[in-house]
């Protein structure tokens, strides 16, 4: 599980969320830097949808939004 803070390039907006990544997607020698390198292009593409979901979760559910990457939803893996 990773807790991430995403910020727009212009610094106007920042959101925090959690990513749960299935163990099958993480080789034994993988560190957080490698995972972030794989996640970055995906989050850049999905920033608006992710931002909206994260803000909604924080405001209405009072918890961090969680994105799960598994066999059903592999995302960038």
Protein backbone atom coordinates (compact mmCIF):
# COMPACT_ATOMS: atom_id res chain seq x y z
CA UNK A 1 0.00 0.00 0.00
CA UNK A 2 1.25 3.47 -0.92
CA UNK A 3 -0.11 6.80 0.27
CA UNK A 4 0.37 9.41 -2.43
CA UNK A 5 -0.05 13.17 -2.64
CA UNK A 6 -0.76 14.36 -6.16
CA UNK A 7 -0.34 17.99 -7.11
CA UNK A 8 -1.10 19.82 -10.31
CA UNK A 9 1.94 21.18 -12.13
CA UNK A 10 0.85 24.75 -11.39
CA UNK A 11 0.54 23.91 -7.68
CA UNK A 12 -3.08 25.07 -7.47
CA UNK A 13 -4.49 21.78 -6.25
CA UNK A 14 -3.28 18.83 -4.21
CA UNK A 15 -5.05 15.59 -3.24
CA UNK A 16 -4.00 12.60 -1.17
CA UNK A 17 -5.01 9.00 -1.81
CA UNK A 18 -3.96 5.40 -1.23
CA UNK A 19 -2.94 2.78 -3.76
CA UNK A 20 -3.22 -0.89 -2.95
CA UNK A 21 -1.10 -2.93 -5.37
CA UNK A 22 -1.48 -6.70 -5.64
CA UNK A 23 1.66 -8.55 -4.57
CA UNK A 24 1.72 -10.38 -7.92
CA UNK A 25 2.55 -7.05 -9.62
CA UNK A 26 5.54 -6.29 -7.41
CA UNK A 27 8.73 -8.29 -7.98
CA UNK A 28 10.79 -8.99 -4.83
CA UNK A 29 13.48 -6.41 -5.63
CA UNK A 30 11.10 -3.53 -6.40
CA UNK A 31 11.36 -0.35 -4.33
CA UNK A 32 8.97 2.58 -4.00
CA UNK A 33 10.85 4.64 -6.61
CA UNK A 34 10.27 1.98 -9.25
CA UNK A 35 6.58 1.72 -8.36
CA UNK A 36 6.18 5.48 -8.57
CA UNK A 37 7.86 5.50 -12.00
CA UNK A 38 5.25 3.03 -13.24
CA UNK A 39 2.36 4.87 -11.62
CA UNK A 40 3.31 8.39 -12.75
CA UNK A 41 2.18 8.18 -16.42
CA UNK A 42 -1.06 6.48 -15.39
CA UNK A 43 -1.87 9.21 -12.85
CA UNK A 44 -0.95 11.94 -15.33
CA UNK A 45 -3.49 10.49 -17.77
CA UNK A 46 -6.13 9.88 -15.11
CA UNK A 47 -5.50 12.98 -12.98
CA UNK A 48 -8.90 14.67 -13.35
CA UNK A 49 -10.93 11.53 -12.61
CA UNK A 50 -8.62 10.61 -9.74
CA UNK A 51 -8.77 14.12 -8.31
CA UNK A 52 -12.57 14.18 -8.41
CA UNK A 53 -12.86 10.75 -6.76
CA UNK A 54 -10.31 11.66 -4.07
CA UNK A 55 -12.03 14.96 -3.23
CA UNK A 56 -15.45 13.28 -3.10
CA UNK A 57 -14.13 10.55 -0.80
CA UNK A 58 -12.52 13.03 1.57
CA UNK A 59 -15.54 15.36 1.68
CA UNK A 60 -18.42 12.89 1.82
CA UNK A 61 -16.92 9.72 3.31
CA UNK A 62 -14.25 11.39 5.47
CA UNK A 63 -11.57 8.94 4.35
CA UNK A 64 -8.81 8.73 1.76
CA UNK A 65 -9.76 7.46 -1.66
CA UNK A 66 -8.24 4.07 -2.37
CA UNK A 67 -7.30 2.75 -5.81
CA UNK A 68 -6.76 -0.99 -6.07
CA UNK A 69 -4.51 -2.43 -8.76
CA UNK A 70 -5.18 -6.16 -9.10
CA UNK A 71 -5.97 -8.71 -11.81
CA UNK A 72 -9.37 -7.15 -12.46
CA UNK A 73 -7.97 -3.59 -12.58
CA UNK A 74 -4.27 -3.80 -13.51
CA UNK A 75 -3.84 -0.09 -14.30
CA UNK A 76 -0.19 0.50 -15.24
CA UNK A 77 0.86 -3.02 -14.27
